[in-house]
C-alpha atoms as a PDB file:
ATOM      1  CA  MET A   1     -28.972   0.901 270.545  1.00  0.00           C
ATOM      2  CA  SER A   2     -30.644  -1.422 273.026  1.00  0.00           C
ATOM      3  CA  ASP A   3     -32.795  -4.296 271.795  1.00  0.00           C
ATOM      4  CA  PRO A   4     -36.128  -2.590 272.698  1.00  0.00           C
ATOM      5  CA  ASP A   5     -35.069   0.617 270.952  1.00  0.00           C
ATOM      6  CA  ARG A   6     -33.907  -1.265 267.876  1.00  0.00           C
ATOM      7  CA  LEU A   7     -37.087  -3.301 267.680  1.00  0.00           C
ATOM      8  CA  ARG A   8     -39.226  -0.220 268.119  1.00  0.00           C
ATOM      9  CA  ALA A   9     -37.360   1.661 265.377  1.00  0.00           C
ATOM     10  CA  GLU A  10     -37.686  -1.256 262.966  1.00  0.00           C
ATOM     11  CA  ALA A  11     -41.387  -1.674 263.783  1.00  0.00           C
ATOM     12  CA  GLU A  12     -42.107   1.998 263.168  1.00  0.00           C
ATOM     13  CA  ALA A  13     -40.151   1.925 259.899  1.00  0.00           C
ATOM     14  CA  LEU A  14     -42.115  -1.093 258.720  1.00  0.00           C
ATOM     15  CA  ALA A  15     -45.427   0.486 259.731  1.00  0.00           C
ATOM     16  CA  ALA A  16     -44.565   3.545 257.651  1.00  0.00           C
ATOM     17  CA  GLU A  17     -44.299   1.312 254.564  1.00  0.00           C
ATOM     18  CA  LEU A  18     -47.735  -0.221 255.031  1.00  0.00           C
ATOM     19  CA  PRO A  19     -51.125   1.106 253.858  1.00  0.00           C
ATOM     20  CA  ASP A  20     -53.823   2.017 256.336  1.00  0.00           C
ATOM     21  CA  PHE A  21     -56.452  -0.561 257.153  1.00  0.00           C
ATOM     22  CA  PRO A  22     -59.467   1.356 255.753  1.00  0.00           C
ATOM     23  CA  SER A  23     -57.902   1.404 252.282  1.00  0.00           C
ATOM     24  CA  LEU A  24     -57.886  -2.409 252.310  1.00  0.00           C
ATOM     25  CA  THR A  25     -61.523  -2.710 253.285  1.00  0.00           C
ATOM     26  CA  ARG A  26     -63.854  -2.924 250.314  1.00  0.00           C
ATOM     27  CA  ASP A  27     -67.090  -1.843 251.958  1.00  0.00           C
ATOM     28  CA  ARG A  28     -66.132   0.354 254.865  1.00  0.00           C
ATOM     29  CA  SER A  29     -69.460   0.885 256.548  1.00  0.00           C
ATOM     30  CA  THR A  30     -68.642   3.745 258.881  1.00  0.00           C
ATOM     31  CA  ALA A  31     -67.216   7.203 258.426  1.00  0.00           C
ATOM     32  CA  GLN A  32     -66.307   7.648 262.079  1.00  0.00           C
ATOM     33  CA  HIS A  33     -62.705   6.784 262.982  1.00  0.00           C
ATOM     34  CA  GLY A  34     -62.592   3.805 265.266  1.00  0.00           C
ATOM     35  CA  GLY A  35     -66.205   3.070 264.582  1.00  0.00           C
ATOM     36  CA  ALA A  36     -67.351  -0.487 264.121  1.00  0.00           C
ATOM     37  CA  PRO A  37     -71.028  -0.902 263.244  1.00  0.00           C
ATOM     38  CA  ARG A  38     -72.923  -2.990 265.761  1.00  0.00           C
ATOM     39  CA  GLN A  39     -76.300  -3.254 264.009  1.00  0.00           C
ATOM     40  CA  ARG A  40     -78.169  -1.484 266.760  1.00  0.00           C
ATOM     41  CA  ALA A  41     -78.974   2.081 267.782  1.00  0.00           C
ATOM     42  CA  GLY A  42     -76.367   4.117 269.587  1.00  0.00           C
ATOM     43  CA  HIS A  43     -73.669   6.780 269.250  1.00  0.00           C
ATOM     44  CA  GLY A  44     -72.317   7.136 265.717  1.00  0.00           C
ATOM     45  CA  GLU A  45     -72.570   9.011 262.456  1.00  0.00           C
ATOM     46  CA  ASP A  46     -74.163   6.458 260.132  1.00  0.00           C
ATOM     47  CA  PHE A  47     -77.940   6.477 259.785  1.00  0.00           C
ATOM     48  CA  TRP A  48     -79.571   3.419 261.338  1.00  0.00           C
ATOM     49  CA  GLN A  49     -83.351   3.821 261.264  1.00  0.00           C
ATOM     50  CA  TYR A  50     -86.320   6.063 262.031  1.00  0.00           C
ATOM     51  CA  ARG A  51     -88.497   5.502 265.068  1.00  0.00           C
ATOM     52  CA  GLY A  52     -91.470   7.270 266.560  1.00  0.00           C
ATOM     53  CA  GLN A  53     -91.025  10.018 269.129  1.00  0.00           C
ATOM     54  CA  THR A  54     -91.311   9.156 272.818  1.00  0.00           C
ATOM     55  CA  PRO A  55     -91.875  11.494 275.800  1.00  0.00           C
ATOM     56  CA  GLU A  56     -88.147  11.272 276.597  1.00  0.00           C
ATOM     57  CA  ASP A  57     -87.113  12.756 273.244  1.00  0.00           C
ATOM     58  CA  SER A  58     -86.454  16.477 272.994  1.00  0.00           C
ATOM     59  CA  ALA A  59     -87.647  18.648 270.126  1.00  0.00           C
ATOM     60  CA  ASN A  60     -84.045  18.945 268.921  1.00  0.00           C
ATOM     61  CA  SER A  61     -83.892  15.204 268.265  1.00  0.00           C
ATOM     62  CA  ILE A  62     -86.862  15.231 265.868  1.00  0.00           C
ATOM     63  CA  ASP A  63     -86.111  14.822 262.174  1.00  0.00           C
ATOM     64  CA  TRP A  64     -88.412  17.584 260.907  1.00  0.00           C
ATOM     65  CA  ARG A  65     -87.953  16.780 257.223  1.00  0.00           C
ATOM     66  CA  ARG A  66     -89.094  13.189 257.706  1.00  0.00           C
ATOM     67  CA  SER A  67     -91.863  14.233 260.107  1.00  0.00           C
ATOM     68  CA  ALA A  68     -93.231  16.781 257.618  1.00  0.00           C
ATOM     69  CA  THR A  69     -94.515  13.956 255.414  1.00  0.00           C
ATOM     70  CA  GLY A  70     -97.162  12.922 257.937  1.00  0.00           C
ATOM     71  CA  ASP A  71     -98.797  13.604 261.270  1.00  0.00           C
ATOM     72  CA  ASP A  72     -96.217  11.757 263.425  1.00  0.00           C
ATOM     73  CA  TYR A  73     -92.848  12.902 264.703  1.00  0.00           C
ATOM     74  CA  PHE A  74     -89.829  10.764 263.830  1.00  0.00           C
ATOM     75  CA  ILE A  75     -86.439  10.400 265.503  1.00  0.00           C
ATOM     76  CA  ARG A  76     -83.400   9.680 263.337  1.00  0.00           C
ATOM     77  CA  GLU A  77     -81.298   6.997 265.036  1.00  0.00           C
ATOM     78  CA  HIS A  78     -77.654   6.271 264.343  1.00  0.00           C
ATOM     79  CA  GLU A  79     -75.868   2.952 264.406  1.00  0.00           C
ATOM     80  CA  LEU A  80     -73.897   2.118 267.534  1.00  0.00           C
ATOM     81  CA  GLN A  81     -70.152   2.270 266.958  1.00  0.00           C
ATOM     82  CA  THR A  82     -67.401   1.037 269.246  1.00  0.00           C
ATOM     83  CA  ALA A  83     -63.639   0.726 268.942  1.00  0.00           C
ATOM     84  CA  ARG A  84     -62.228  -2.630 267.910  1.00  0.00           C
ATOM     85  CA  LEU A  85     -59.422  -4.306 269.858  1.00  0.00           C
ATOM     86  CA  LEU A  86     -56.527  -6.212 268.287  1.00  0.00           C
ATOM     87  CA  GLU A  87     -54.573  -8.508 270.604  1.00  0.00           C
ATOM     88  CA  VAL A  88     -51.090  -9.617 269.566  1.00  0.00           C
ATOM     89  CA  GLY A  89     -49.032 -12.322 271.214  1.00  0.00           C
ATOM     90  CA  VAL A  90     -45.609 -13.907 270.878  1.00  0.00           C
ATOM     91  CA  ASP A  91     -44.504 -17.342 272.078  1.00  0.00           C
ATOM     92  CA  VAL A  92     -42.595 -16.795 275.345  1.00  0.00           C
ATOM     93  CA  GLY A  93     -40.693 -20.094 275.178  1.00  0.00           C
ATOM     94  CA  SER A  94     -36.876 -20.048 275.159  1.00  0.00           C
ATOM     95  CA  GLY A  95     -36.842 -22.017 271.903  1.00  0.00           C
ATOM     96  CA  PHE A  96     -38.585 -19.153 270.108  1.00  0.00           C
ATOM     97  CA  ASN A  97     -36.212 -16.566 271.566  1.00  0.00           C
ATOM     98  CA  TRP A  98     -33.302 -18.071 269.607  1.00  0.00           C
ATOM     99  CA  ALA A  99     -31.213 -17.093 266.619  1.00  0.00           C
ATOM    100  CA  GLY A 100     -28.904 -19.221 264.504  1.00  0.00           C
ATOM    101  CA  ALA A 101     -26.396 -16.383 264.167  1.00  0.00           C
ATOM    102  CA  LYS A 102     -25.209 -13.712 266.589  1.00  0.00           C
ATOM    103  CA  ASP A 103     -25.723 -10.853 264.150  1.00  0.00           C
ATOM    104  CA  GLN A 104     -29.434 -11.471 263.508  1.00  0.00           C
ATOM    105  CA  LEU A 105     -32.662 -11.116 265.442  1.00  0.00           C
ATOM    106  CA  THR A 106     -34.128 -14.036 267.300  1.00  0.00           C
ATOM    107  CA  LYS A 107     -37.374 -15.495 266.003  1.00  0.00           C
ATOM    108  CA  ALA A 108     -39.217 -13.803 268.870  1.00  0.00           C
ATOM    109  CA  GLN A 109     -37.649 -10.415 268.152  1.00  0.00           C
ATOM    110  CA  GLU A 110     -38.556 -10.687 264.471  1.00  0.00           C
ATOM    111  CA  ALA A 111     -42.141 -11.496 265.424  1.00  0.00           C
ATOM    112  CA  LYS A 112     -42.269  -8.526 267.799  1.00  0.00           C
ATOM    113  CA  VAL A 113     -41.240  -6.128 265.029  1.00  0.00           C
ATOM    114  CA  ILE A 114     -43.899  -7.438 262.659  1.00  0.00           C
ATOM    115  CA  LEU A 115     -46.725  -7.555 265.215  1.00  0.00           C
ATOM    116  CA  THR A 116     -45.894  -4.120 266.591  1.00  0.00           C
ATOM    117  CA  SER A 117     -45.955  -2.595 263.106  1.00  0.00           C
ATOM    118  CA  LEU A 118     -49.405  -4.099 262.517  1.00  0.00           C
ATOM    119  CA  ALA A 119     -50.626  -2.774 265.859  1.00  0.00           C
ATOM    120  CA  ILE A 120     -49.368   0.712 264.968  1.00  0.00           C
ATOM    121  CA  ARG A 121     -51.370   0.666 261.754  1.00  0.00           C
ATOM    122  CA  PHE A 122     -54.427  -0.828 263.404  1.00  0.00           C
ATOM    123  CA  VAL A 123     -54.878   1.935 265.998  1.00  0.00           C
ATOM    124  CA  GLU A 124     -54.489   4.848 263.592  1.00  0.00           C
ATOM    125  CA  ASN A 125     -58.240   5.070 263.076  1.00  0.00           C
ATOM    126  CA  GLY A 126     -59.158   5.183 266.749  1.00  0.00           C
ATOM    127  CA  ASP A 127     -59.082   1.462 267.455  1.00  0.00           C
ATOM    128  CA  LEU A 128     -57.156  -0.314 270.221  1.00  0.00           C
ATOM    129  CA  ALA A 129     -54.275  -2.767 270.557  1.00  0.00           C
ATOM    130  CA  ALA A 130     -53.048  -4.888 273.452  1.00  0.00           C
ATOM    131  CA  VAL A 131     -50.681  -7.744 274.216  1.00  0.00           C
ATOM    132  CA  LEU A 132     -52.171 -11.168 274.889  1.00  0.00           C
ATOM    133  CA  GLY A 133     -51.887 -12.085 278.536  1.00  0.00           C
ATOM    134  CA  SER A 134     -50.158  -8.852 279.594  1.00  0.00           C
ATOM    135  CA  GLY A 135     -52.962  -7.744 281.906  1.00  0.00           C
ATOM    136  CA  LYS A 136     -52.317  -4.105 280.964  1.00  0.00           C
ATOM    137  CA  PRO A 137     -55.033  -1.908 279.449  1.00  0.00           C
ATOM    138  CA  PRO A 138     -55.260  -1.531 275.670  1.00  0.00           C
ATOM    139  CA  ALA A 139     -53.572   1.417 273.984  1.00  0.00           C
ATOM    140  CA  ARG A 140     -54.783   3.704 271.221  1.00  0.00           C
ATOM    141  CA  SER A 141     -51.791   5.552 269.787  1.00  0.00           C
ATOM    142  CA  GLY A 142     -49.117   7.931 271.013  1.00  0.00           C
ATOM    143  CA  ASP A 143     -46.405   5.778 272.584  1.00  0.00           C
ATOM    144  CA  LEU A 144     -48.024   2.567 271.414  1.00  0.00           C
ATOM    145  CA  SER A 145     -44.916   1.064 269.799  1.00  0.00           C
ATOM    146  CA  ALA A 146     -42.867   1.389 272.992  1.00  0.00           C
ATOM    147  CA  ARG A 147     -45.666  -0.108 275.057  1.00  0.00           C
ATOM    148  CA  ILE A 148     -46.250  -3.065 272.750  1.00  0.00           C
ATOM    149  CA  ILE A 149     -42.520  -3.819 272.467  1.00  0.00           C
ATOM    150  CA  GLU A 150     -42.071  -3.573 276.240  1.00  0.00           C
ATOM    151  CA  GLU A 151     -44.998  -5.862 277.006  1.00  0.00           C
ATOM    152  CA  LEU A 152     -44.044  -8.381 274.326  1.00  0.00           C
ATOM    153  CA  ILE A 153     -40.480  -8.520 275.674  1.00  0.00           C
ATOM    154  CA  TYR A 154     -41.674  -9.134 279.208  1.00  0.00           C
ATOM    155  CA  GLU A 155     -41.070 -12.833 279.794  1.00  0.00           C
ATOM    156  CA  ARG A 156     -44.148 -14.080 281.584  1.00  0.00           C
ATOM    157  CA  SER A 157     -43.884 -17.200 283.692  1.00  0.00           C
ATOM    158  CA  ASP A 158     -47.244 -18.513 282.515  1.00  0.00           C
ATOM    159  CA  GLN A 159     -47.125 -20.780 279.529  1.00  0.00           C
ATOM    160  CA  PHE A 160     -49.512 -20.900 276.633  1.00  0.00           C
ATOM    161  CA  ILE A 161     -52.449 -20.310 276.613  1.00  0.00           C
ATOM    162  CA  PRO A 162     -52.989 -16.579 277.308  1.00  0.00           C
ATOM    163  CA  ASN A 163     -56.422 -15.347 278.225  1.00  0.00           C
ATOM    164  CA  VAL A 164     -58.280 -13.353 275.590  1.00  0.00           C
ATOM    165  CA  ARG A 165     -60.126 -10.208 276.639  1.00  0.00           C
ATOM    166  CA  ARG A 166     -63.886 -10.197 276.338  1.00  0.00           C
ATOM    167  CA  GLU A 167     -63.846  -7.138 274.073  1.00  0.00           C
ATOM    168  CA  THR A 168     -61.202  -8.494 271.659  1.00  0.00           C
ATOM    169  CA  SER A 169     -62.063  -8.251 267.955  1.00  0.00           C
ATOM    170  CA  ALA A 170     -59.090 -10.088 266.418  1.00  0.00           C
ATOM    171  CA  ILE A 171     -55.919 -11.983 267.361  1.00  0.00           C
ATOM    172  CA  ILE A 172     -52.449 -12.401 265.861  1.00  0.00           C
ATOM    173  CA  TYR A 173     -50.231 -15.003 267.518  1.00  0.00           C
ATOM    174  CA  ALA A 174     -46.621 -15.719 266.511  1.00  0.00           C
ATOM    175  CA  SER A 175     -44.575 -18.814 267.283  1.00  0.00           C
ATOM    176  CA  ASP A 176     -42.432 -21.460 265.603  1.00  0.00           C
ATOM    177  CA  PHE A 177     -45.128 -23.961 266.661  1.00  0.00           C
ATOM    178  CA  TYR A 178     -42.584 -26.633 267.538  1.00  0.00           C
ATOM    179  CA  GLY A 179     -44.222 -27.473 270.864  1.00  0.00           C
ATOM    180  CA  ASP A 180     -47.225 -29.608 271.724  1.00  0.00           C
ATOM    181  CA  LEU A 181     -50.086 -28.612 269.458  1.00  0.00           C
ATOM    182  CA  THR A 182     -52.846 -29.853 271.761  1.00  0.00           C
ATOM    183  CA  ALA A 183     -53.042 -26.633 273.773  1.00  0.00           C
ATOM    184  CA  LEU A 184     -52.792 -24.531 270.627  1.00  0.00           C
ATOM    185  CA  ASN A 185     -55.571 -26.507 268.990  1.00  0.00           C
ATOM    186  CA  ASP A 186     -57.893 -26.102 271.986  1.00  0.00           C
ATOM    187  CA  TRP A 187     -57.149 -22.388 272.314  1.00  0.00           C
ATOM    188  CA  VAL A 188     -57.638 -21.581 268.631  1.00  0.00           C
ATOM    189  CA  ARG A 189     -60.904 -23.500 268.480  1.00  0.00           C
ATOM    190  CA  LEU A 190     -62.164 -21.780 271.622  1.00  0.00           C
ATOM    191  CA  CYS A 191     -61.393 -18.340 270.168  1.00  0.00           C
ATOM    192  CA  ALA A 192     -62.979 -19.241 266.841  1.00  0.00           C
ATOM    193  CA  SER A 193     -66.089 -20.564 268.582  1.00  0.00           C
ATOM    194  CA  ASN A 194     -66.519 -17.049 269.986  1.00  0.00           C
ATOM    195  CA  SER A 195     -66.444 -15.665 266.424  1.00  0.00           C
ATOM    196  CA  LEU A 196     -62.961 -14.188 266.804  1.00  0.00           C
ATOM    197  CA  PRO A 197     -60.938 -13.958 263.574  1.00  0.00           C
ATOM    198  CA  GLY A 198     -57.232 -14.639 263.924  1.00  0.00           C
ATOM    199  CA  VAL A 199     -53.852 -15.093 262.304  1.00  0.00           C
ATOM    200  CA  LEU A 200     -51.234 -17.713 263.187  1.00  0.00           C
ATOM    201  CA  LEU A 201     -47.768 -16.520 262.181  1.00  0.00           C
ATOM    202  CA  GLN A 202     -44.943 -19.059 262.070  1.00  0.00           C
ATOM    203  CA  VAL A 203     -41.495 -17.451 262.312  1.00  0.00           C
ATOM    204  CA  ILE A 204     -38.444 -19.632 261.745  1.00  0.00           C
ATOM    205  CA  ASP A 205     -34.684 -19.149 261.581  1.00  0.00           C
ATOM    206  CA  PRO A 206     -32.775 -19.534 258.267  1.00  0.00           C
ATOM    207  CA  LEU A 207     -30.927 -22.530 259.721  1.00  0.00           C
ATOM    208  CA  GLU A 208     -34.260 -24.221 260.406  1.00  0.00           C
ATOM    209  CA  ALA A 209     -35.445 -23.467 256.886  1.00  0.00           C
ATOM    210  CA  GLU A 210     -32.310 -24.735 255.168  1.00  0.00           C
ATOM    211  CA  PHE A 211     -30.745 -27.340 257.521  1.00  0.00           C
ATOM    212  CA  PRO A 212     -27.272 -26.693 256.022  1.00  0.00           C
ATOM    213  CA  PHE A 213     -25.465 -29.202 258.237  1.00  0.00           C
ATOM    214  CA  SER A 214     -23.079 -31.966 257.298  1.00  0.00           C
ATOM    215  CA  GLY A 215     -20.684 -34.190 259.114  1.00  0.00           C
ATOM    216  CA  ARG A 216     -20.482 -34.351 262.899  1.00  0.00           C
ATOM    217  CA  VAL A 217     -22.565 -31.645 264.599  1.00  0.00           C
ATOM    218  CA  LYS A 218     -23.549 -31.015 268.215  1.00  0.00           C
ATOM    219  CA  PHE A 219     -27.096 -29.741 268.728  1.00  0.00           C
ATOM    220  CA  LYS A 220     -28.266 -28.092 271.939  1.00  0.00           C
ATOM    221  CA  ARG A 221     -31.799 -27.311 273.033  1.00  0.00           C
ATOM    222  CA  PRO A 222     -32.261 -23.510 273.434  1.00  0.00           C
ATOM    223  CA  GLY A 223     -32.625 -22.524 277.079  1.00  0.00           C
ATOM    224  CA  GLY A 224     -31.831 -26.015 278.305  1.00  0.00           C
ATOM    225  CA  LEU A 225     -28.917 -28.286 279.122  1.00  0.00           C
ATOM    226  CA  LYS A 226     -29.823 -31.067 276.716  1.00  0.00           C
ATOM    227  CA  GLU A 227     -27.359 -31.563 273.888  1.00  0.00           C
ATOM    228  CA  ARG A 228     -26.631 -34.356 271.450  1.00  0.00           C
ATOM    229  CA  ILE A 229     -23.982 -35.083 268.864  1.00  0.00           C
ATOM    230  CA  PHE A 230     -24.994 -36.466 265.487  1.00  0.00           C
ATOM    231  CA  GLY A 231     -22.682 -37.931 262.879  1.00  0.00           C
ATOM    232  CA  ARG A 232     -23.339 -37.538 259.142  1.00  0.00           C
ATOM    233  CA  THR A 233     -26.060 -34.961 259.718  1.00  0.00           C
ATOM    234  CA  GLU A 234     -26.581 -34.704 255.959  1.00  0.00           C
ATOM    235  CA  ASP A 235     -28.336 -38.069 256.196  1.00  0.00           C
ATOM    236  CA  LEU A 236     -30.910 -36.525 258.535  1.00  0.00           C
ATOM    237  CA  LYS A 237     -32.003 -33.807 256.110  1.00  0.00           C
ATOM    238  CA  ASP A 238     -34.850 -35.641 254.399  1.00  0.00           C
ATOM    239  CA  ASP A 239     -36.358 -36.834 257.678  1.00  0.00           C
ATOM    240  CA  TYR A 240     -35.964 -33.360 259.168  1.00  0.00           C
ATOM    241  CA  PHE A 241     -37.788 -31.667 256.312  1.00  0.00           C
ATOM    242  CA  LYS A 242     -40.578 -34.233 256.383  1.00  0.00           C
ATOM    243  CA  ARG A 243     -41.192 -33.569 260.072  1.00  0.00           C
ATOM    244  CA  PHE A 244     -40.908 -29.828 259.523  1.00  0.00           C
ATOM    245  CA  MET A 245     -43.450 -29.823 256.698  1.00  0.00           C
ATOM    246  CA  ASP A 246     -45.804 -32.125 258.602  1.00  0.00           C
ATOM    247  CA  ARG A 247     -45.794 -29.720 261.545  1.00  0.00           C
ATOM    248  CA  GLN A 248     -46.312 -26.679 259.340  1.00  0.00           C
ATOM    249  CA  TYR A 249     -49.182 -28.386 257.550  1.00  0.00           C
ATOM    250  CA  ALA A 250     -50.824 -29.285 260.881  1.00  0.00           C
ATOM    251  CA  VAL A 251     -50.816 -25.638 262.027  1.00  0.00           C
ATOM    252  CA  LYS A 252     -51.979 -24.355 258.643  1.00  0.00           C
ATOM    253  CA  HIS A 253     -54.745 -26.963 258.544  1.00  0.00           C
ATOM    254  CA  LEU A 254     -55.892 -25.951 262.029  1.00  0.00           C
ATOM    255  CA  ALA A 255     -56.127 -22.316 260.939  1.00  0.00           C
ATOM    256  CA  GLU A 256     -58.062 -23.213 257.791  1.00  0.00           C
ATOM    257  CA  GLN A 257     -60.504 -25.424 259.701  1.00  0.00           C
ATOM    258  CA  VAL A 258     -61.661 -22.550 261.904  1.00  0.00           C
ATOM    259  CA  GLY A 259     -61.492 -19.812 259.263  1.00  0.00           C
ATOM    260  CA  TRP A 260     -58.238 -18.286 260.519  1.00  0.00           C
ATOM    261  CA  HIS A 261     -55.286 -17.211 258.386  1.00  0.00           C
ATOM    262  CA  PHE A 262     -51.803 -18.801 258.436  1.00  0.00           C
ATOM    263  CA  GLU A 263     -48.527 -17.237 257.367  1.00  0.00           C
ATOM    264  CA  ALA A 264     -44.914 -18.458 257.518  1.00  0.00           C
ATOM    265  CA  HIS A 265     -41.890 -16.172 257.639  1.00  0.00           C
ATOM    266  CA  ILE A 266     -38.110 -16.692 257.730  1.00  0.00           C
ATOM    267  CA  VAL A 267     -36.023 -14.237 259.754  1.00  0.00           C
ATOM    268  CA  GLY A 268     -34.176 -11.971 257.347  1.00  0.00           C
ATOM    269  CA  GLU A 269     -36.726 -12.174 254.549  1.00  0.00           C
ATOM    270  CA  PRO A 270     -38.631  -9.016 253.502  1.00  0.00           C
ATOM    271  CA  ARG A 271     -41.261  -8.136 256.093  1.00  0.00           C
ATOM    272  CA  ARG A 272     -43.442  -5.784 254.106  1.00  0.00           C
ATOM    273  CA  PRO A 273     -45.093  -8.398 251.801  1.00  0.00           C
ATOM    274  CA  LEU A 274     -45.826 -10.578 254.829  1.00  0.00           C
ATOM    275  CA  ALA A 275     -47.324  -7.729 256.870  1.00  0.00           C
ATOM    276  CA  PHE A 276     -49.391  -6.645 253.875  1.00  0.00           C
ATOM    277  CA  ARG A 277     -50.820 -10.158 253.451  1.00  0.00           C
ATOM    278  CA  ILE A 278     -51.775 -10.250 257.122  1.00  0.00           C
ATOM    279  CA  MET A 279     -53.506  -6.889 256.801  1.00  0.00           C
ATOM    280  CA  GLN A 280     -55.388  -8.122 253.748  1.00  0.00           C
ATOM    281  CA  ALA A 281     -56.511 -11.244 255.605  1.00  0.00           C
ATOM    282  CA  MET A 282     -57.742  -9.140 258.520  1.00  0.00           C
ATOM    283  CA  ALA A 283     -59.559  -6.769 256.192  1.00  0.00           C
ATOM    284  CA  GLN A 284     -61.261  -9.681 254.433  1.00  0.00           C
ATOM    285  CA  ALA A 285     -62.343 -10.980 257.824  1.00  0.00           C
ATOM    286  CA  GLY A 286     -64.017  -7.646 258.522  1.00  0.00           C
ATOM    287  CA  VAL A 287     -61.509  -6.511 261.145  1.00  0.00           C
ATOM    288  CA  ASN A 288     -61.067  -2.745 261.437  1.00  0.00           C
ATOM    289  CA  ALA A 289     -63.792  -2.267 258.851  1.00  0.00           C
END
């Protein structure tokens, strides 16, 4: 099985284990699939308000029960509803597309499975999903998993930060967040300033989580030619974990400052609890409600 096919199969299997988004939303305010209330009159099923009849209104649009209480004719308006759009993105850097063992997924592949499963669940009620920076139109359902996987695998030459579509309702972005945080900080704050809820998902390899090295070890930068040999690597463990935790705290703190949600995940750990927590965070933020 090729990598795209394997990732797609794992994403669909994970999606099947997850609840639907409406069941996580406490006060779902619309009965129409894909409907997101917009607090103004328009197409939809939920009652919005009564207004007086105008010359442009036909007799069929008159609410005769309400009009029977007086001498005026009233029109029953419904609340405008539009589909929400979830954009998902994965770090395209070579360092993220790395695995510490040949028989496991890379960090990027793991992120693609998780984000695709969330996108599958998100669109089930008529909403939309798209890949950050792909330039391709959003998708509703059908062959969504194949499309998302394909577009997430496509290695774009442009570096962070991807452009966010004007109609986007929420964002999930996955990375190890080992790079320069200045661009990430600016991008997250810009999105949050436009009232966009989001999730930052840190995915790391088991070797990065455990640092099980000792003795003389040669380290090589993924995707590059730089390599360096360290002696007594066990003496580096404390300093490594301090830097690792400082970086993780910085990303988590950034998310908390702007009202976003942060999650950390190790490749090989159970995905379902993680995906469920992300769905809960999105539901609490009013996404897909």
